[in-house]
Every structure is written in structure tokens, then in C-alpha cells.
PDB file of N, CA and C in Angstrom:
ATOM      1  N   UNK A   1       1.129  -1.144   0.196  1.00  0.00           N
ATOM      2  CA  UNK A   1      -0.111   0.002  -0.212  1.00  0.00           C
ATOM      3  C   UNK A   1       0.862   1.712  -0.056  1.00  0.00           C
ATOM      4  N   UNK A   2       2.362   1.292   0.815  1.00  0.00           N
ATOM      5  CA  UNK A   2       3.088   2.330   1.116  1.00  0.00           C
ATOM      6  C   UNK A   2       3.873   2.674  -0.559  1.00  0.00           C
ATOM      7  N   UNK A   3       3.670   1.403  -1.606  1.00  0.00           N
ATOM      8  CA  UNK A   3       4.103   1.720  -2.513  1.00  0.00           C
ATOM      9  C   UNK A   3       3.338   2.356  -3.916  1.00  0.00           C
ATOM     10  N   UNK A   4       2.021   2.373  -3.758  1.00  0.00           N
ATOM     11  CA  UNK A   4       1.299   2.718  -4.376  1.00  0.00           C
ATOM     12  C   UNK A   4       0.785   4.425  -3.952  1.00  0.00           C
ATOM     13  N   UNK A   5       0.720   4.655  -2.633  1.00  0.00           N
ATOM     14  CA  UNK A   5       0.890   5.970  -2.332  1.00  0.00           C
ATOM     15  C   UNK A   5       1.588   6.546  -2.732  1.00  0.00           C
ATOM     16  N   UNK A   6       3.299   6.263  -2.604  1.00  0.00           N
ATOM     17  CA  UNK A   6       4.467   7.169  -3.668  1.00  0.00           C
ATOM     18  C   UNK A   6       3.976   6.990  -4.734  1.00  0.00           C
ATOM     19  N   UNK A   7       3.634   6.219  -5.711  1.00  0.00           N
ATOM     20  CA  UNK A   7       3.609   5.759  -7.136  1.00  0.00           C
ATOM     21  C   UNK A   7       2.105   7.046  -7.148  1.00  0.00           C
ATOM     22  N   UNK A   8       1.494   7.147  -6.679  1.00  0.00           N
ATOM     23  CA  UNK A   8       0.401   7.713  -6.625  1.00  0.00           C
ATOM     24  C   UNK A   8       0.535   9.444  -6.443  1.00  0.00           C
ATOM     25  N   UNK A   9       1.729  10.012  -5.443  1.00  0.00           N
ATOM     26  CA  UNK A   9       2.316  11.178  -5.279  1.00  0.00           C
ATOM     27  C   UNK A   9       3.187  11.826  -6.107  1.00  0.00           C
ATOM     28  N   UNK A  10       3.354  10.850  -6.775  1.00  0.00           N
ATOM     29  CA  UNK A  10       4.236  11.040  -7.558  1.00  0.00           C
ATOM     30  C   UNK A  10       4.004  11.105  -8.788  1.00  0.00           C
ATOM     31  N   UNK A  11       2.848  10.720  -9.265  1.00  0.00           N
ATOM     32  CA  UNK A  11       2.230  10.861 -10.508  1.00  0.00           C
ATOM     33  C   UNK A  11       1.297  12.660 -10.731  1.00  0.00           C
ATOM     34  N   UNK A  12       0.624  12.870  -9.025  1.00  0.00           N
ATOM     35  CA  UNK A  12       0.200  13.999  -8.964  1.00  0.00           C
ATOM     36  C   UNK A  12       1.622  15.348  -8.950  1.00  0.00           C
ATOM     37  N   UNK A  13       2.414  14.982  -8.881  1.00  0.00           N
ATOM     38  CA  UNK A  13       4.252  16.140  -8.388  1.00  0.00           C
ATOM     39  C   UNK A  13       3.987  16.416 -10.018  1.00  0.00           C
ATOM     40  N   UNK A  14       4.359  15.087 -10.794  1.00  0.00           N
ATOM     41  CA  UNK A  14       4.256  15.052 -12.240  1.00  0.00           C
ATOM     42  C   UNK A  14       3.575  15.755 -13.104  1.00  0.00           C
ATOM     43  N   UNK A  15       2.399  15.192 -12.585  1.00  0.00           N
ATOM     44  CA  UNK A  15       1.255  15.871 -13.101  1.00  0.00           C
ATOM     45  C   UNK A  15       0.686  17.898 -12.991  1.00  0.00           C
ATOM     46  N   UNK A  16       1.660  18.356 -11.855  1.00  0.00           N
ATOM     47  CA  UNK A  16       1.502  19.571 -11.465  1.00  0.00           C
ATOM     48  C   UNK A  16       2.646  20.611 -12.287  1.00  0.00           C
ATOM     49  N   UNK A  17       3.999  19.583 -12.259  1.00  0.00           N
ATOM     50  CA  UNK A  17       4.915  19.931 -12.845  1.00  0.00           C
ATOM     51  C   UNK A  17       4.627  19.803 -14.248  1.00  0.00           C
ATOM     52  N   UNK A  18       4.311  18.963 -14.449  1.00  0.00           N
ATOM     53  CA  UNK A  18       3.958  19.444 -16.170  1.00  0.00           C
ATOM     54  C   UNK A  18       3.090  20.134 -16.897  1.00  0.00           C
ATOM     55  N   UNK A  19       1.882  20.288 -16.122  1.00  0.00           N
ATOM     56  CA  UNK A  19       1.109  21.704 -16.438  1.00  0.00           C
ATOM     57  C   UNK A  19       1.378  22.796 -16.726  1.00  0.00           C
ATOM     58  N   UNK A  20       2.565  23.122 -15.228  1.00  0.00           N
ATOM     59  CA  UNK A  20       3.414  24.324 -14.905  1.00  0.00           C
ATOM     60  C   UNK A  20       4.507  24.719 -15.870  1.00  0.00           C
ATOM     61  N   UNK A  21       4.598  23.714 -16.809  1.00  0.00           N
ATOM     62  CA  UNK A  21       6.009  24.138 -17.335  1.00  0.00           C
ATOM     63  C   UNK A  21       5.602  24.233 -19.503  1.00  0.00           C
ATOM     64  N   UNK A  22       4.470  23.439 -19.417  1.00  0.00           N
ATOM     65  CA  UNK A  22       3.330  24.256 -20.413  1.00  0.00           C
ATOM     66  C   UNK A  22       3.704  23.262 -21.975  1.00  0.00           C
ATOM     67  N   UNK A  23       3.157  23.262 -22.814  1.00  0.00           N
ATOM     68  CA  UNK A  23       3.545  22.900 -24.321  1.00  0.00           C
ATOM     69  C   UNK A  23       4.404  23.403 -24.540  1.00  0.00           C
ATOM     70  N   UNK A  24       5.048  24.303 -24.594  1.00  0.00           N
ATOM     71  CA  UNK A  24       6.065  24.284 -25.061  1.00  0.00           C
ATOM     72  C   UNK A  24       8.063  23.225 -24.942  1.00  0.00           C
ATOM     73  N   UNK A  25       7.266  23.483 -23.483  1.00  0.00           N
ATOM     74  CA  UNK A  25       8.705  22.559 -22.612  1.00  0.00           C
ATOM     75  C   UNK A  25       8.267  20.737 -23.071  1.00  0.00           C
ATOM     76  N   UNK A  26       6.535  20.837 -23.447  1.00  0.00           N
ATOM     77  CA  UNK A  26       6.728  19.401 -23.604  1.00  0.00           C
ATOM     78  C   UNK A  26       7.857  18.979 -24.862  1.00  0.00           C
ATOM     79  N   UNK A  27       7.286  20.567 -25.776  1.00  0.00           N
ATOM     80  CA  UNK A  27       7.658  19.620 -27.382  1.00  0.00           C
ATOM     81  C   UNK A  27       9.175  19.441 -27.124  1.00  0.00           C
ATOM     82  N   UNK A  28       9.805  20.763 -26.419  1.00  0.00           N
ATOM     83  CA  UNK A  28      11.026  19.956 -26.414  1.00  0.00           C
ATOM     84  C   UNK A  28      11.878  19.282 -25.812  1.00  0.00           C
ATOM     85  N   UNK A  29      10.717  18.785 -24.609  1.00  0.00           N
ATOM     86  CA  UNK A  29      11.231  17.078 -24.323  1.00  0.00           C
ATOM     87  C   UNK A  29      11.341  16.242 -25.778  1.00  0.00           C
ATOM     88  N   UNK A  30       9.912  16.352 -26.618  1.00  0.00           N
ATOM     89  CA  UNK A  30       9.695  15.199 -26.563  1.00  0.00           C
ATOM     90  C   UNK A  30      10.637  15.064 -28.281  1.00  0.00           C
ATOM     91  N   UNK A  31      10.987  16.123 -28.411  1.00  0.00           N
ATOM     92  CA  UNK A  31      12.313  16.182 -29.615  1.00  0.00           C
ATOM     93  C   UNK A  31      13.181  15.833 -29.215  1.00  0.00           C
ATOM     94  N   UNK A  32      14.035  16.373 -28.240  1.00  0.00           N
ATOM     95  CA  UNK A  32      15.123  15.879 -27.238  1.00  0.00           C
ATOM     96  C   UNK A  32      15.322  14.026 -27.245  1.00  0.00           C
ATOM     97  N   UNK A  33      14.365  13.285 -26.887  1.00  0.00           N
ATOM     98  CA  UNK A  33      13.943  11.605 -26.410  1.00  0.00           C
ATOM     99  C   UNK A  33      14.083  11.502 -28.053  1.00  0.00           C
ATOM    100  N   UNK A  34      13.210  12.182 -29.161  1.00  0.00           N
ATOM    101  CA  UNK A  34      12.916  11.459 -30.521  1.00  0.00           C
ATOM    102  C   UNK A  34      14.611  10.974 -30.649  1.00  0.00           C
ATOM    103  N   UNK A  35      15.591  12.455 -30.490  1.00  0.00           N
ATOM    104  CA  UNK A  35      16.664  12.403 -31.380  1.00  0.00           C
ATOM    105  C   UNK A  35      17.756  10.708 -30.447  1.00  0.00           C
ATOM    106  N   UNK A  36      17.618  11.633 -28.707  1.00  0.00           N
ATOM    107  CA  UNK A  36      18.142   9.896 -28.251  1.00  0.00           C
ATOM    108  C   UNK A  36      18.006   8.533 -29.045  1.00  0.00           C
ATOM    109  N   UNK A  37      16.440   8.601 -29.390  1.00  0.00           N
ATOM    110  CA  UNK A  37      15.909   7.494 -29.885  1.00  0.00           C
ATOM    111  C   UNK A  37      16.633   7.115 -31.183  1.00  0.00           C
ATOM    112  N   UNK A  38      16.878   7.651 -31.894  1.00  0.00           N
ATOM    113  CA  UNK A  38      17.147   8.132 -33.101  1.00  0.00           C
ATOM    114  C   UNK A  38      18.729   7.834 -33.673  1.00  0.00           C
ATOM    115  N   UNK A  39      19.305   7.669 -32.234  1.00  0.00           N
ATOM    116  CA  UNK A  39      20.869   7.844 -32.010  1.00  0.00           C
ATOM    117  C   UNK A  39      21.350   6.494 -32.477  1.00  0.00           C
ATOM    118  N   UNK A  40      22.170   6.423 -33.705  1.00  0.00           N
ATOM    119  CA  UNK A  40      23.098   4.919 -33.870  1.00  0.00           C
ATOM    120  C   UNK A  40      23.157   4.581 -32.447  1.00  0.00           C
ATOM    121  N   UNK A  41      23.993   5.073 -31.811  1.00  0.00           N
ATOM    122  CA  UNK A  41      24.609   3.810 -30.375  1.00  0.00           C
ATOM    123  C   UNK A  41      23.384   3.801 -29.612  1.00  0.00           C
ATOM    124  N   UNK A  42      22.475   4.203 -29.192  1.00  0.00           N
ATOM    125  CA  UNK A  42      21.976   3.988 -28.871  1.00  0.00           C
ATOM    126  C   UNK A  42      20.318   2.498 -29.531  1.00  0.00           C
ATOM    127  N   UNK A  43      19.873   2.479 -30.885  1.00  0.00           N
ATOM    128  CA  UNK A  43      19.559   1.492 -31.257  1.00  0.00           C
ATOM    129  C   UNK A  43      20.355  -0.034 -31.642  1.00  0.00           C
ATOM    130  N   UNK A  44      21.570   0.550 -32.171  1.00  0.00           N
ATOM    131  CA  UNK A  44      22.350  -0.101 -31.588  1.00  0.00           C
ATOM    132  C   UNK A  44      22.338  -1.468 -30.032  1.00  0.00           C
ATOM    133  N   UNK A  45      22.145  -0.345 -29.337  1.00  0.00           N
ATOM    134  CA  UNK A  45      23.111  -1.178 -27.851  1.00  0.00           C
ATOM    135  C   UNK A  45      20.882  -1.525 -27.240  1.00  0.00           C
ATOM    136  N   UNK A  46      19.729  -1.361 -27.520  1.00  0.00           N
ATOM    137  CA  UNK A  46      18.763  -1.274 -27.990  1.00  0.00           C
ATOM    138  C   UNK A  46      18.312  -2.836 -28.585  1.00  0.00           C
ATOM    139  N   UNK A  47      19.065  -2.572 -29.339  1.00  0.00           N
ATOM    140  CA  UNK A  47      19.223  -4.550 -30.495  1.00  0.00           C
ATOM    141  C   UNK A  47      20.111  -5.111 -29.411  1.00  0.00           C
ATOM    142  N   UNK A  48      21.169  -4.926 -29.628  1.00  0.00           N
ATOM    143  CA  UNK A  48      21.758  -6.112 -28.557  1.00  0.00           C
ATOM    144  C   UNK A  48      21.229  -6.423 -27.460  1.00  0.00           C
ATOM    145  N   UNK A  49      20.633  -5.510 -26.789  1.00  0.00           N
ATOM    146  CA  UNK A  49      19.512  -5.932 -25.581  1.00  0.00           C
ATOM    147  C   UNK A  49      18.741  -7.144 -25.885  1.00  0.00           C
ATOM    148  N   UNK A  50      17.748  -6.611 -26.255  1.00  0.00           N
ATOM    149  CA  UNK A  50      16.468  -7.245 -27.160  1.00  0.00           C
ATOM    150  C   UNK A  50      17.259  -8.840 -27.361  1.00  0.00           C
ATOM    151  N   UNK A  51      17.794  -9.152 -28.085  1.00  0.00           N
ATOM    152  CA  UNK A  51      18.755 -10.145 -28.712  1.00  0.00           C
ATOM    153  C   UNK A  51      19.232 -10.775 -27.582  1.00  0.00           C
ATOM    154  N   UNK A  52      19.920  -9.824 -26.519  1.00  0.00           N
ATOM    155  CA  UNK A  52      20.187 -10.880 -25.124  1.00  0.00           C
ATOM    156  C   UNK A  52      19.361 -11.217 -25.039  1.00  0.00           C
ATOM    157  N   UNK A  53      18.502 -11.323 -24.442  1.00  0.00           N
ATOM    158  CA  UNK A  53      16.990 -11.106 -24.195  1.00  0.00           C
ATOM    159  C   UNK A  53      16.133 -12.139 -24.611  1.00  0.00           C
ATOM    160  N   UNK A  54      16.465 -12.203 -26.051  1.00  0.00           N
ATOM    161  CA  UNK A  54      15.351 -13.538 -26.383  1.00  0.00           C
ATOM    162  C   UNK A  54      16.434 -14.419 -26.311  1.00  0.00           C
ATOM    163  N   UNK A  55      17.753 -14.424 -26.521  1.00  0.00           N
ATOM    164  CA  UNK A  55      18.843 -15.674 -25.254  1.00  0.00           C
ATOM    165  C   UNK A  55      18.481 -16.254 -24.467  1.00  0.00           C
ATOM    166  N   UNK A  56      18.011 -15.220 -23.132  1.00  0.00           N
ATOM    167  CA  UNK A  56      17.711 -15.910 -21.929  1.00  0.00           C
ATOM    168  C   UNK A  56      16.789 -15.892 -21.803  1.00  0.00           C
ATOM    169  N   UNK A  57      15.052 -15.605 -22.471  1.00  0.00           N
ATOM    170  CA  UNK A  57      14.407 -16.285 -22.797  1.00  0.00           C
ATOM    171  C   UNK A  57      14.039 -17.716 -23.503  1.00  0.00           C
ATOM    172  N   UNK A  58      15.056 -17.671 -24.582  1.00  0.00           N
ATOM    173  CA  UNK A  58      15.346 -19.247 -25.012  1.00  0.00           C
ATOM    174  C   UNK A  58      15.733 -20.112 -23.815  1.00  0.00           C
ATOM    175  N   UNK A  59      17.106 -20.079 -23.345  1.00  0.00           N
ATOM    176  CA  UNK A  59      17.491 -21.266 -22.534  1.00  0.00           C
ATOM    177  C   UNK A  59      16.546 -21.185 -21.338  1.00  0.00           C
ATOM    178  N   UNK A  60      15.762 -20.069 -20.174  1.00  0.00           N
ATOM    179  CA  UNK A  60      14.507 -20.041 -19.738  1.00  0.00           C
ATOM    180  C   UNK A  60      13.784 -21.188 -19.962  1.00  0.00           C
ATOM    181  N   UNK A  61      12.932 -21.010 -21.181  1.00  0.00           N
ATOM    182  CA  UNK A  61      12.321 -21.674 -21.867  1.00  0.00           C
ATOM    183  C   UNK A  61      12.318 -23.293 -21.598  1.00  0.00           C
ATOM    184  N   UNK A  62      13.623 -23.482 -22.240  1.00  0.00           N
ATOM    185  CA  UNK A  62      14.340 -24.426 -21.927  1.00  0.00           C
ATOM    186  C   UNK A  62      14.376 -25.722 -21.035  1.00  0.00           C
ATOM    187  N   UNK A  63      14.368 -24.623 -20.459  1.00  0.00           N
ATOM    188  CA  UNK A  63      15.144 -24.845 -19.059  1.00  0.00           C
ATOM    189  C   UNK A  63      13.471 -25.055 -17.717  1.00  0.00           C
ATOM    190  N   UNK A  64      12.878 -24.240 -18.279  1.00  0.00           N
ATOM    191  CA  UNK A  64      11.166 -24.448 -17.435  1.00  0.00           C
ATOM    192  C   UNK A  64      10.418 -25.562 -18.182  1.00  0.00           C
ATOM    193  N   UNK A  65      10.978 -26.210 -19.304  1.00  0.00           N
ATOM    194  CA  UNK A  65      10.017 -26.786 -19.764  1.00  0.00           C
ATOM    195  C   UNK A  65      10.520 -28.384 -19.920  1.00  0.00           C
ATOM    196  N   UNK A  66      12.085 -28.474 -19.632  1.00  0.00           N
ATOM    197  CA  UNK A  66      12.323 -30.138 -18.803  1.00  0.00           C
ATOM    198  C   UNK A  66      12.554 -30.520 -17.515  1.00  0.00           C
ATOM    199  N   UNK A  67      12.212 -29.635 -16.917  1.00  0.00           N
ATOM    200  CA  UNK A  67      11.564 -29.822 -15.316  1.00  0.00           C
ATOM    201  C   UNK A  67      10.185 -30.015 -15.449  1.00  0.00           C
ATOM    202  N   UNK A  68       9.390 -28.776 -15.723  1.00  0.00           N
ATOM    203  CA  UNK A  68       8.078 -28.812 -15.989  1.00  0.00           C
ATOM    204  C   UNK A  68       7.169 -30.053 -16.780  1.00  0.00           C
ATOM    205  N   UNK A  69       7.954 -30.587 -17.891  1.00  0.00           N
ATOM    206  CA  UNK A  69       7.060 -31.172 -18.969  1.00  0.00           C
ATOM    207  C   UNK A  69       6.094 -31.532 -19.405  1.00  0.00           C
ATOM    208  N   UNK A  70       5.215 -32.566 -19.093  1.00  0.00           N
ATOM    209  CA  UNK A  70       3.841 -32.377 -19.407  1.00  0.00           C
ATOM    210  C   UNK A  70       3.097 -32.163 -17.831  1.00  0.00           C
ATOM    211  N   UNK A  71       3.382 -31.595 -17.138  1.00  0.00           N
ATOM    212  CA  UNK A  71       2.048 -31.130 -16.298  1.00  0.00           C
ATOM    213  C   UNK A  71       1.310 -30.287 -16.006  1.00  0.00           C
ATOM    214  N   UNK A  72       1.723 -29.581 -17.159  1.00  0.00           N
ATOM    215  CA  UNK A  72       1.364 -28.045 -17.674  1.00  0.00           C
ATOM    216  C   UNK A  72      -0.265 -28.650 -18.346  1.00  0.00           C
ATOM    217  N   UNK A  73      -0.891 -27.652 -18.049  1.00  0.00           N
ATOM    218  CA  UNK A  73      -2.515 -28.175 -18.689  1.00  0.00           C
ATOM    219  C   UNK A  73      -2.292 -28.009 -19.238  1.00  0.00           C
ATOM    220  N   UNK A  74      -2.934 -28.673 -20.751  1.00  0.00           N
ATOM    221  CA  UNK A  74      -3.289 -28.576 -22.137  1.00  0.00           C
ATOM    222  C   UNK A  74      -3.507 -27.405 -23.004  1.00  0.00           C
ATOM    223  N   UNK A  75      -4.404 -26.597 -22.286  1.00  0.00           N
ATOM    224  CA  UNK A  75      -4.639 -24.874 -22.471  1.00  0.00           C
ATOM    225  C   UNK A  75      -3.449 -23.817 -22.651  1.00  0.00           C
ATOM    226  N   UNK A  76      -2.830 -24.740 -21.708  1.00  0.00           N
ATOM    227  CA  UNK A  76      -2.119 -23.378 -21.436  1.00  0.00           C
ATOM    228  C   UNK A  76      -0.231 -23.767 -22.735  1.00  0.00           C
ATOM    229  N   UNK A  77      -0.761 -25.234 -22.304  1.00  0.00           N
ATOM    230  CA  UNK A  77       0.300 -25.530 -23.569  1.00  0.00           C
ATOM    231  C   UNK A  77       0.153 -25.384 -25.270  1.00  0.00           C
ATOM    232  N   UNK A  78      -1.117 -24.937 -25.537  1.00  0.00           N
ATOM    233  CA  UNK A  78      -1.751 -25.045 -26.519  1.00  0.00           C
ATOM    234  C   UNK A  78      -1.220 -23.294 -26.417  1.00  0.00           C
ATOM    235  N   UNK A  79      -1.540 -22.747 -26.144  1.00  0.00           N
ATOM    236  CA  UNK A  79      -1.946 -21.515 -25.938  1.00  0.00           C
ATOM    237  C   UNK A  79      -0.159 -20.482 -26.485  1.00  0.00           C
ATOM    238  N   UNK A  80       1.027 -21.670 -25.161  1.00  0.00           N
ATOM    239  CA  UNK A  80       2.327 -20.711 -25.993  1.00  0.00           C
ATOM    240  C   UNK A  80       3.120 -21.251 -26.881  1.00  0.00           C
ATOM    241  N   UNK A  81       1.688 -22.814 -27.667  1.00  0.00           N
ATOM    242  CA  UNK A  81       1.897 -22.892 -29.249  1.00  0.00           C
ATOM    243  C   UNK A  81       1.857 -21.804 -29.703  1.00  0.00           C
ATOM    244  N   UNK A  82       0.514 -21.566 -29.721  1.00  0.00           N
ATOM    245  CA  UNK A  82      -0.146 -20.318 -30.484  1.00  0.00           C
ATOM    246  C   UNK A  82       1.001 -19.224 -30.814  1.00  0.00           C
ATOM    247  N   UNK A  83       1.495 -18.748 -29.476  1.00  0.00           N
ATOM    248  CA  UNK A  83       2.019 -17.738 -29.569  1.00  0.00           C
ATOM    249  C   UNK A  83       3.440 -17.804 -30.160  1.00  0.00           C
ATOM    250  N   UNK A  84       4.405 -18.810 -30.482  1.00  0.00           N
ATOM    251  CA  UNK A  84       5.084 -19.319 -30.747  1.00  0.00           C
ATOM    252  C   UNK A  84       5.163 -19.117 -32.145  1.00  0.00           C
ATOM    253  N   UNK A  85       4.074 -19.777 -32.664  1.00  0.00           N
ATOM    254  CA  UNK A  85       4.326 -20.342 -34.163  1.00  0.00           C
ATOM    255  C   UNK A  85       3.368 -18.392 -34.747  1.00  0.00           C
ATOM    256  N   UNK A  86       2.123 -17.818 -33.934  1.00  0.00           N
ATOM    257  CA  UNK A  86       2.548 -16.412 -34.704  1.00  0.00           C
ATOM    258  C   UNK A  86       3.709 -15.379 -34.922  1.00  0.00           C
ATOM    259  N   UNK A  87       4.597 -15.646 -32.966  1.00  0.00           N
ATOM    260  CA  UNK A  87       5.913 -14.982 -33.594  1.00  0.00           C
ATOM    261  C   UNK A  87       6.950 -15.462 -34.645  1.00  0.00           C
ATOM    262  N   UNK A  88       5.988 -16.549 -34.684  1.00  0.00           N
ATOM    263  CA  UNK A  88       7.726 -17.011 -35.853  1.00  0.00           C
ATOM    264  C   UNK A  88       7.283 -16.340 -37.242  1.00  0.00           C
ATOM    265  N   UNK A  89       6.267 -16.723 -37.265  1.00  0.00           N
ATOM    266  CA  UNK A  89       5.576 -16.481 -38.878  1.00  0.00           C
ATOM    267  C   UNK A  89       6.111 -14.682 -39.451  1.00  0.00           C
ATOM    268  N   UNK A  90       5.729 -14.239 -39.054  1.00  0.00           N
ATOM    269  CA  UNK A  90       6.628 -12.737 -39.583  1.00  0.00           C
ATOM    270  C   UNK A  90       7.736 -12.424 -39.243  1.00  0.00           C
ATOM    271  N   UNK A  91       8.768 -12.725 -38.128  1.00  0.00           N
ATOM    272  CA  UNK A  91      10.080 -12.975 -38.216  1.00  0.00           C
ATOM    273  C   UNK A  91      10.247 -11.569 -36.996  1.00  0.00           C
ATOM    274  N   UNK A  92       9.313 -11.115 -36.312  1.00  0.00           N
ATOM    275  CA  UNK A  92       9.677  -9.838 -35.934  1.00  0.00           C
ATOM    276  C   UNK A  92       9.234  -9.755 -34.094  1.00  0.00           C
ATOM    277  N   UNK A  93       9.392  -9.686 -32.692  1.00  0.00           N
ATOM    278  CA  UNK A  93       8.979  -9.939 -31.782  1.00  0.00           C
ATOM    279  C   UNK A  93       7.482  -8.123 -31.864  1.00  0.00           C
ATOM    280  N   UNK A  94       6.801  -8.561 -30.450  1.00  0.00           N
ATOM    281  CA  UNK A  94       5.973  -7.110 -30.227  1.00  0.00           C
ATOM    282  C   UNK A  94       7.021  -6.323 -30.162  1.00  0.00           C
ATOM    283  N   UNK A  95       7.981  -5.792 -29.864  1.00  0.00           N
ATOM    284  CA  UNK A  95       8.645  -4.827 -29.580  1.00  0.00           C
ATOM    285  C   UNK A  95       8.936  -4.105 -31.075  1.00  0.00           C
ATOM    286  N   UNK A  96       8.590  -4.638 -32.372  1.00  0.00           N
ATOM    287  CA  UNK A  96       9.275  -4.178 -33.033  1.00  0.00           C
ATOM    288  C   UNK A  96      10.875  -4.497 -33.792  1.00  0.00           C
ATOM    289  N   UNK A  97      11.529  -5.360 -33.200  1.00  0.00           N
ATOM    290  CA  UNK A  97      12.545  -5.793 -33.509  1.00  0.00           C
ATOM    291  C   UNK A  97      12.893  -7.044 -33.973  1.00  0.00           C
ATOM    292  N   UNK A  98      13.775  -6.915 -35.085  1.00  0.00           N
ATOM    293  CA  UNK A  98      14.430  -8.457 -35.812  1.00  0.00           C
ATOM    294  C   UNK A  98      14.946  -9.483 -34.697  1.00  0.00           C
ATOM    295  N   UNK A  99      14.607 -10.564 -35.389  1.00  0.00           N
ATOM    296  CA  UNK A  99      15.098 -11.311 -34.814  1.00  0.00           C
ATOM    297  C   UNK A  99      16.425 -11.666 -35.390  1.00  0.00           C
ATOM    298  N   UNK A 100      16.976 -11.161 -36.020  1.00  0.00           N
ATOM    299  CA  UNK A 100      18.445 -10.951 -36.270  1.00  0.00           C
ATOM    300  C   UNK A 100      19.265 -11.714 -34.994  1.00  0.00           C
TER     301      UNK A 100
END
């Protein structure tokens, strides 16, 4: 409960400060964020992190599937299979990064 109150207080403070700063400051922050996102070093780092995440997720998947085995309900197993098939179809994950 304490964390929820701190979070709500943070949202309130951010809202008040944001409204006082105005639209001009918002546009300035948005432009800066876009420049950072388009920086090649940032993009390469994000892609590397995504690749490592996919590798770790694959390892975790195999480790869990070996331990769990056939104890998973059929409905869950079918859902996982359908998600894996859908992800493999277009070659991109939900974040828009490629599986290269």
C-alpha cells in the first residue's frame, strides 16, 4: 500500500509540474527524446539488449520445459504453441525488433 501511495503522489507531482511547464517544454522534451531514440549508438544498444533477452528467454524456456514436462495443462501448452507460431511467422517480436 505504501508503494501505491508513493506512486500516486509521484504522478500528482509530475502532473502539476508538467502543466506548469506548458506545451513548449513538452515539445522540447519530445524532440530531445526523439533525437536520443534515433541515435545509432542507442539503437544498436537496444538491439543488442533485445537479442540477449531473446537468448536468455530461450534458455529459460528450455530449462523450465525440461522441469515441468507434461505437467502443464493442455490449454496453457496450446496457448504457448500458438504464440510461438505467431511470433515465428513474421520474423519480428512485439517490440518491432528483428530476430537477427
